[in-house]
Protein backbone atom coordinates (compact mmCIF):
# COMPACT_ATOMS: atom_id res chain seq x y z
CA MET A 1 -87.35 -54.22 -31.56
CA LYS A 2 -88.00 -51.31 -34.03
CA LYS A 3 -86.19 -50.98 -36.84
CA SER A 4 -83.41 -48.46 -36.93
CA ILE A 5 -80.77 -47.97 -38.98
CA TYR A 6 -78.20 -45.00 -38.19
CA ILE A 7 -74.47 -43.48 -38.41
CA PHE A 8 -73.15 -41.51 -35.99
CA TYR A 9 -72.21 -38.22 -36.87
CA PRO A 10 -68.71 -37.00 -36.56
CA ILE A 11 -68.77 -34.47 -33.63
CA LEU A 12 -70.96 -37.31 -31.65
CA LEU A 13 -68.37 -40.05 -32.63
CA ALA A 14 -65.78 -37.41 -31.24
CA SER A 15 -67.96 -36.92 -27.83
CA SER A 16 -68.29 -40.45 -27.19
CA LEU A 17 -64.48 -41.13 -27.35
CA PHE A 18 -63.89 -39.09 -24.52
CA LEU A 19 -66.79 -40.22 -22.29
CA GLY A 20 -65.43 -43.67 -23.08
CA CYS A 21 -62.35 -42.90 -21.88
CA HIS A 22 -59.95 -42.19 -19.19
CA LYS A 23 -56.48 -40.57 -17.95
CA THR A 24 -54.64 -42.06 -15.24
CA THR A 25 -53.63 -39.82 -12.13
CA ASP A 26 -50.68 -42.14 -11.16
CA ASP A 27 -47.63 -40.46 -11.01
CA ASN A 28 -45.28 -43.26 -10.99
CA ARG A 29 -46.14 -44.56 -14.81
CA SER A 30 -42.67 -46.87 -14.44
CA LYS A 31 -44.70 -49.34 -12.62
CA GLU A 32 -47.82 -49.20 -14.90
CA VAL A 33 -48.44 -49.69 -18.25
CA ILE A 34 -51.64 -48.39 -19.89
CA ILE A 35 -53.33 -50.12 -22.97
CA TYR A 36 -56.39 -48.67 -25.28
CA THR A 37 -58.09 -51.44 -26.43
CA TYR A 38 -61.93 -51.82 -27.31
CA ASP A 39 -65.10 -52.48 -25.12
CA SER A 40 -64.84 -56.17 -25.44
CA PHE A 41 -61.44 -57.27 -24.70
CA VAL A 42 -62.22 -55.53 -21.22
CA ALA A 43 -65.16 -56.87 -20.15
CA GLU A 44 -65.93 -59.25 -17.37
CA TRP A 45 -65.78 -62.29 -19.73
CA GLY A 46 -63.10 -60.49 -22.57
CA ALA A 47 -59.22 -61.54 -22.60
CA GLY A 48 -58.36 -58.01 -20.71
CA PRO A 49 -58.53 -59.11 -16.93
CA GLU A 50 -56.88 -62.12 -17.12
CA ILE A 51 -53.96 -60.91 -19.33
CA ALA A 52 -53.82 -57.90 -16.61
CA GLU A 53 -53.38 -60.42 -13.76
CA LYS A 54 -50.80 -62.83 -15.43
CA PHE A 55 -48.61 -59.75 -16.76
CA GLU A 56 -48.20 -58.44 -13.20
CA LYS A 57 -47.69 -62.00 -11.96
CA ALA A 58 -44.70 -62.39 -14.61
CA THR A 59 -43.43 -58.58 -14.87
CA GLY A 60 -44.50 -57.24 -11.74
CA LEU A 61 -46.29 -53.82 -13.53
CA LYS A 62 -49.54 -53.29 -13.62
CA ALA A 63 -52.00 -53.19 -16.70
CA THR A 64 -54.07 -50.81 -17.00
CA PHE A 65 -56.93 -51.15 -19.88
CA VAL A 66 -58.69 -48.33 -21.20
CA ASP A 67 -62.44 -49.23 -22.99
CA CYS A 68 -62.74 -46.58 -26.02
CA GLY A 69 -65.59 -47.98 -27.48
CA ASP A 70 -65.28 -50.35 -30.20
CA GLY A 71 -62.17 -50.58 -32.62
CA VAL A 72 -62.64 -47.57 -34.88
CA GLN A 73 -63.17 -45.50 -32.11
CA LEU A 74 -60.33 -46.91 -30.86
CA LEU A 75 -57.97 -45.59 -33.55
CA SER A 76 -59.98 -42.49 -33.64
CA ARG A 77 -58.73 -41.80 -29.88
CA ALA A 78 -55.25 -42.50 -30.83
CA ILE A 79 -54.61 -40.37 -33.55
CA LEU A 80 -56.95 -37.39 -31.54
CA GLU A 81 -54.31 -37.43 -28.83
CA LYS A 82 -51.17 -38.20 -31.04
CA ASP A 83 -49.42 -34.94 -29.54
CA ASN A 84 -50.47 -36.20 -26.00
CA VAL A 85 -50.95 -39.64 -25.74
CA GLN A 86 -52.14 -41.21 -22.75
CA ALA A 87 -51.63 -44.32 -22.93
CA ASP A 88 -48.34 -46.45 -24.05
CA VAL A 89 -50.09 -49.47 -26.05
CA ILE A 90 -52.78 -49.60 -28.44
CA LEU A 91 -54.68 -53.11 -28.80
CA GLY A 92 -57.25 -53.81 -31.58
CA ILE A 93 -56.25 -52.52 -34.79
CA ASP A 94 -56.96 -54.79 -37.47
CA ASN A 95 -55.58 -55.59 -41.15
CA ASN A 96 -58.71 -53.10 -42.17
CA THR A 97 -57.42 -50.10 -39.67
CA ALA A 98 -53.76 -50.95 -39.77
CA LYS A 99 -52.57 -48.54 -42.80
CA GLN A 100 -54.98 -45.25 -41.37
CA ALA A 101 -52.86 -46.06 -38.00
CA LEU A 102 -49.50 -46.04 -39.63
CA ASN A 103 -50.29 -43.17 -41.98
CA ALA A 104 -51.02 -41.32 -39.18
CA ASP A 105 -47.43 -42.20 -37.62
CA ILE A 106 -48.92 -42.92 -33.55
CA LEU A 107 -46.70 -45.94 -33.64
CA LYS A 108 -43.45 -46.57 -32.37
CA SER A 109 -41.39 -49.30 -33.89
CA TYR A 110 -40.61 -52.14 -32.16
CA ARG A 111 -40.47 -56.04 -32.51
CA PRO A 112 -41.30 -58.09 -29.80
CA LYS A 113 -39.29 -61.18 -28.53
CA ASP A 114 -39.65 -64.35 -30.33
CA ALA A 115 -42.26 -62.64 -32.96
CA ASP A 116 -39.87 -64.24 -35.90
CA ILE A 117 -40.45 -67.50 -34.72
CA ILE A 118 -43.82 -67.58 -33.01
CA ILE A 119 -46.02 -65.23 -35.95
CA ASN A 120 -46.88 -66.60 -39.18
CA PRO A 121 -45.62 -64.34 -41.67
CA ASP A 122 -48.69 -64.55 -43.48
CA LEU A 123 -50.81 -63.08 -40.55
CA GLN A 124 -47.78 -60.14 -40.31
CA ASN A 125 -48.29 -59.25 -44.28
CA GLN A 126 -51.80 -58.93 -42.99
CA LEU A 127 -51.09 -55.54 -40.96
CA GLY A 128 -48.37 -53.93 -43.58
CA THR A 129 -45.56 -53.78 -41.33
CA GLN A 130 -42.71 -56.05 -39.57
CA ASP A 131 -42.50 -53.83 -36.34
CA LYS A 132 -45.31 -51.37 -35.93
CA LEU A 133 -48.24 -53.36 -35.28
CA ILE A 134 -47.91 -57.09 -34.08
CA PRO A 135 -50.48 -59.87 -34.39
CA TYR A 136 -52.09 -61.33 -31.65
CA ASP A 137 -55.22 -63.04 -32.91
CA TYR A 138 -57.58 -63.57 -36.10
CA SER A 139 -60.47 -64.85 -37.39
CA HIS A 140 -62.50 -64.75 -40.61
CA PHE A 141 -66.15 -62.56 -40.74
CA ALA A 142 -68.97 -64.89 -41.23
CA LEU A 143 -72.76 -64.48 -40.73
CA ILE A 144 -74.22 -66.31 -37.42
CA PHE A 145 -77.48 -67.87 -38.24
CA ASN A 146 -79.90 -68.86 -36.04
CA THR A 147 -80.91 -72.74 -37.29
CA LYS A 148 -84.25 -72.46 -34.93
CA SER A 149 -85.94 -69.82 -36.88
CA ASN A 150 -88.16 -70.56 -39.54
CA LEU A 151 -86.31 -69.22 -42.38
CA PRO A 152 -84.29 -70.88 -45.14
CA GLU A 153 -80.10 -70.81 -44.47
CA PRO A 154 -78.63 -68.61 -46.68
CA LYS A 155 -75.91 -69.41 -49.23
CA SER A 156 -73.85 -66.30 -50.77
CA LEU A 157 -73.90 -62.64 -49.69
CA THR A 158 -76.43 -62.17 -52.84
CA ASP A 159 -78.90 -64.58 -50.80
CA LEU A 160 -79.13 -61.62 -47.70
CA THR A 161 -81.04 -59.39 -50.54
CA ASN A 162 -83.84 -61.33 -50.50
CA PRO A 163 -87.02 -60.23 -49.02
CA ILE A 164 -87.75 -62.86 -47.11
CA TYR A 165 -84.73 -61.75 -44.26
CA LYS A 166 -86.87 -58.23 -44.53
CA ASN A 167 -85.50 -56.58 -40.94
CA LYS A 168 -83.90 -60.32 -40.36
CA ILE A 169 -80.19 -59.27 -40.42
CA ILE A 170 -77.63 -57.08 -37.47
CA LEU A 171 -75.10 -55.70 -38.75
CA MET A 172 -72.22 -52.84 -37.25
CA ASP A 173 -71.59 -49.65 -37.60
CA PRO A 174 -68.69 -49.33 -40.07
CA ARG A 175 -67.75 -46.15 -38.84
CA THR A 176 -67.13 -47.16 -35.31
CA SER A 177 -66.99 -50.72 -35.50
CA THR A 178 -63.96 -53.11 -37.07
CA PRO A 179 -66.53 -55.78 -37.57
CA GLY A 180 -69.10 -53.22 -39.10
CA LEU A 181 -66.13 -51.89 -41.27
CA GLY A 182 -65.08 -55.74 -42.13
CA PHE A 183 -68.38 -56.56 -43.31
CA VAL A 184 -68.04 -53.35 -45.90
CA ALA A 185 -64.48 -54.79 -46.64
CA TRP A 186 -66.70 -58.27 -47.95
CA THR A 187 -68.94 -57.31 -49.98
CA LYS A 188 -66.46 -54.59 -51.64
CA ALA A 189 -64.45 -57.72 -52.18
CA VAL A 190 -67.24 -59.74 -53.78
CA PHE A 191 -69.10 -56.04 -55.81
CA PRO A 192 -65.75 -54.76 -56.70
CA GLU A 193 -67.25 -52.74 -59.34
CA GLU A 194 -68.88 -49.28 -57.98
CA GLN A 195 -71.93 -49.52 -59.47
CA ALA A 196 -72.90 -53.40 -58.26
CA PHE A 197 -71.08 -52.09 -54.86
CA ASN A 198 -73.79 -49.76 -54.67
CA ASP A 199 -76.70 -51.82 -56.24
CA TYR A 200 -76.15 -54.79 -53.37
CA TRP A 201 -76.11 -52.27 -50.50
CA THR A 202 -79.17 -50.65 -51.82
CA SER A 203 -80.88 -54.20 -52.04
CA LEU A 204 -79.88 -55.35 -48.33
CA LYS A 205 -80.94 -52.42 -47.04
CA ASP A 206 -84.56 -53.14 -46.19
CA ASN A 207 -83.20 -56.20 -44.51
CA ILE A 208 -81.01 -54.61 -41.90
CA LEU A 209 -82.97 -54.75 -38.29
CA THR A 210 -79.92 -51.97 -37.22
CA MET A 211 -76.37 -50.81 -37.49
CA ALA A 212 -75.33 -51.41 -34.28
CA PRO A 213 -72.60 -48.84 -32.67
CA GLY A 214 -70.28 -52.29 -31.83
CA TRP A 215 -69.84 -56.04 -32.02
CA SER A 216 -70.94 -56.09 -28.33
CA ALA A 217 -74.24 -54.42 -28.57
CA GLY A 218 -74.64 -56.14 -32.00
CA TYR A 219 -74.21 -59.95 -30.82
CA GLY A 220 -76.02 -59.08 -27.55
CA LEU A 221 -79.00 -58.41 -29.86
CA PHE A 222 -79.03 -61.46 -31.77
CA THR A 223 -78.59 -63.91 -28.59
CA ASN A 224 -81.76 -62.07 -27.16
CA ASN A 225 -83.60 -62.99 -30.95
CA GLU A 226 -84.00 -59.65 -32.39
CA ALA A 227 -82.69 -60.93 -35.58
CA PRO A 228 -81.83 -64.51 -36.56
CA LEU A 229 -78.51 -63.05 -38.44
CA VAL A 230 -75.87 -61.44 -37.28
CA ILE A 231 -72.52 -60.36 -38.51
CA SER A 232 -69.54 -61.98 -36.49
CA TYR A 233 -66.67 -64.29 -36.81
CA THR A 234 -66.16 -68.02 -37.84
CA THR A 235 -65.48 -68.52 -34.30
CA SER A 236 -68.66 -67.16 -32.90
CA PRO A 237 -70.60 -70.02 -32.56
CA ALA A 238 -67.91 -71.73 -30.36
CA ALA A 239 -68.28 -69.14 -27.35
CA ASN A 240 -72.09 -70.41 -27.70
CA LEU A 241 -71.38 -74.18 -27.23
CA GLU A 242 -68.74 -73.18 -24.83
CA TYR A 243 -71.32 -71.09 -22.06
CA ASP A 244 -74.61 -71.55 -23.08
CA LYS A 245 -74.74 -75.01 -24.42
CA ILE A 246 -76.23 -73.20 -27.63
CA ASN A 247 -75.57 -75.22 -30.51
CA TYR A 248 -77.49 -73.90 -33.11
CA TYR A 249 -75.86 -71.16 -34.11
CA LYS A 250 -74.12 -71.85 -37.10
CA ALA A 251 -71.13 -69.80 -38.97
CA LEU A 252 -72.16 -69.53 -42.68
CA ILE A 253 -69.66 -70.58 -44.90
CA PHE A 254 -69.94 -68.89 -48.68
CA GLU A 255 -68.26 -70.75 -51.28
CA GLU A 256 -67.37 -66.69 -52.26
CA GLY A 257 -65.26 -66.35 -49.63
CA HIS A 258 -64.74 -64.21 -46.53
CA ILE A 259 -62.44 -61.25 -45.43
CA MET A 260 -59.96 -62.30 -42.55
CA GLN A 261 -59.61 -60.14 -39.83
CA VAL A 262 -56.21 -60.12 -37.84
CA GLU A 263 -56.10 -57.92 -34.84
CA GLY A 264 -52.78 -56.14 -33.68
CA ALA A 265 -50.98 -54.14 -30.84
CA GLY A 266 -48.21 -51.68 -31.20
CA ILE A 267 -46.70 -49.24 -28.93
CA LEU A 268 -47.52 -45.50 -29.13
CA ARG A 269 -45.36 -42.99 -30.16
CA ASN A 270 -44.36 -40.83 -27.18
CA ALA A 271 -45.72 -43.60 -24.70
CA LYS A 272 -44.55 -42.28 -21.36
CA ASN A 273 -43.33 -45.86 -20.09
CA GLU A 274 -42.29 -47.23 -23.51
CA GLU A 275 -40.32 -49.99 -21.22
CA GLY A 276 -42.96 -51.23 -19.30
CA ALA A 277 -44.62 -51.10 -22.92
CA LYS A 278 -41.97 -53.40 -24.73
CA LYS A 279 -42.56 -55.84 -22.12
CA PHE A 280 -46.40 -55.90 -22.53
CA MET A 281 -45.73 -56.43 -26.18
CA ASP A 282 -43.20 -59.34 -25.43
CA PHE A 283 -45.57 -61.34 -23.03
CA LEU A 284 -48.89 -60.76 -25.73
CA ILE A 285 -47.32 -63.21 -27.94
CA SER A 286 -46.65 -65.46 -25.19
CA GLU A 287 -48.11 -69.11 -24.62
CA GLU A 288 -49.05 -67.77 -21.73
CA ALA A 289 -50.89 -64.50 -22.60
CA GLN A 290 -51.89 -66.97 -26.27
CA ASN A 291 -53.70 -69.21 -24.26
CA VAL A 292 -56.09 -66.38 -22.53
CA LEU A 293 -57.72 -65.82 -25.58
CA PRO A 294 -59.43 -68.50 -27.29
CA LEU A 295 -61.81 -68.76 -24.64
CA THR A 296 -62.20 -65.05 -24.16
CA GLN A 297 -61.46 -63.36 -27.52
CA TRP A 298 -63.13 -66.24 -29.49
CA MET A 299 -60.26 -65.74 -31.80
CA TYR A 300 -57.32 -68.09 -33.10
CA PRO A 301 -54.08 -67.21 -30.81
CA VAL A 302 -51.27 -66.26 -33.33
CA ASN A 303 -48.80 -68.51 -31.21
CA ASN A 304 -49.20 -71.70 -32.84
CA SER A 305 -48.42 -73.64 -29.15
CA VAL A 306 -51.82 -73.06 -28.03
CA LEU A 307 -54.10 -76.23 -27.92
CA LEU A 308 -57.60 -75.02 -29.13
CA PRO A 309 -60.69 -76.43 -27.00
CA GLU A 310 -62.77 -78.76 -27.77
CA CYS A 311 -65.84 -76.34 -28.54
CA TYR A 312 -63.54 -75.03 -31.42
CA ARG A 313 -63.39 -78.09 -32.86
CA GLU A 314 -66.87 -78.67 -32.82
CA SER A 315 -68.41 -75.60 -33.90
CA ALA A 316 -65.73 -73.16 -35.30
CA VAL A 317 -65.18 -73.40 -39.37
CA PHE A 318 -62.53 -72.25 -41.42
CA PRO A 319 -63.64 -71.16 -45.01
CA ALA A 320 -61.63 -72.52 -47.84
CA LYS A 321 -61.00 -68.94 -49.84
CA THR A 322 -59.77 -65.64 -48.28
CA LEU A 323 -60.45 -62.88 -50.02
CA SER A 324 -58.57 -59.58 -49.87
CA ILE A 325 -59.15 -56.26 -50.70
CA ASP A 326 -57.31 -52.96 -51.01
CA VAL A 327 -58.00 -51.19 -48.12
CA SER A 328 -57.14 -47.73 -49.80
CA THR A 329 -60.89 -48.09 -51.27
CA LEU A 330 -62.43 -49.17 -48.02
CA ASN A 331 -62.77 -45.85 -46.52
CA LYS A 332 -65.21 -44.32 -49.76
CA ALA A 333 -66.74 -47.51 -49.81
CA ALA A 334 -67.77 -47.46 -46.33
CA GLU A 335 -68.98 -43.19 -46.86
CA THR A 336 -71.04 -44.98 -49.72
CA VAL A 337 -72.63 -47.61 -47.22
CA ALA A 338 -73.35 -44.22 -44.83
CA SER A 339 -74.83 -42.25 -47.50
CA LEU A 340 -77.28 -45.44 -48.81
CA LEU A 341 -78.49 -45.99 -45.27
CA LYS A 342 -79.66 -42.76 -44.60
């Protein structure tokens, strides 16, 4: 594949948001809950279809998931529509984008039934609010390595800058993708000083095969053997083991630690079906809905009543050290990366 490092320009990004989403024309909105989310959630193999079916059986309400691209695009859409929102719920805001969502005042307060019993306070604290964004799944970011490649296994973020990995790493665009933004957060946590951060990305540049627009595109390139390394999650190899019987994809654990992603959902301010949205939020953290997530989202459910499948015990790993970052510095770091990769 031809090497292509690219960052979307804002005007193109704004256009793609509207192409990727649609409005409902159903007048009877009290019977339908519209949820803005990201592409992998609504995919045929994603959690959306099964959760929609179970939600309708449980409540009699229809759940309509709308694909708005990847996580950062999802948030941009909701902010652009703030005064004329088309959806009731937004699903897919993570701990690296939560502050932007809260500052934009697009969310309405609601604490789902039994949330204080079901949700670990540490996960809730990652989102910075008790009642506007509710966690529904989580995992750590990691590099996934194809152990059948002829390359040595990198042991740290610094190792990734070794020239032996030229054109061997697939990343995601931090301005459209939450895993892309998560990788920037990870490198900023390990290299907090501005010069060290800039030097790291300058050294890494030649080793990046592409900056994919989202996780689905980037991980798809990896599974098509375009490159032996891709940014994803510590839980990702469980999916390849379960469905493809592939046991040679490995989540690399680095001693310096890893950034955790906690994904949340919330009710949009001015939602046209607020009561239906509340019922969806209640359902999302229920054991019935959470049971869907391990084999579709390939993330850990927040409801501890869910029994993880065997593939997690065989191939999912949990880092000993979790890193954190002041998200107020993250947008500047992402802009720096965009500038360095031009």
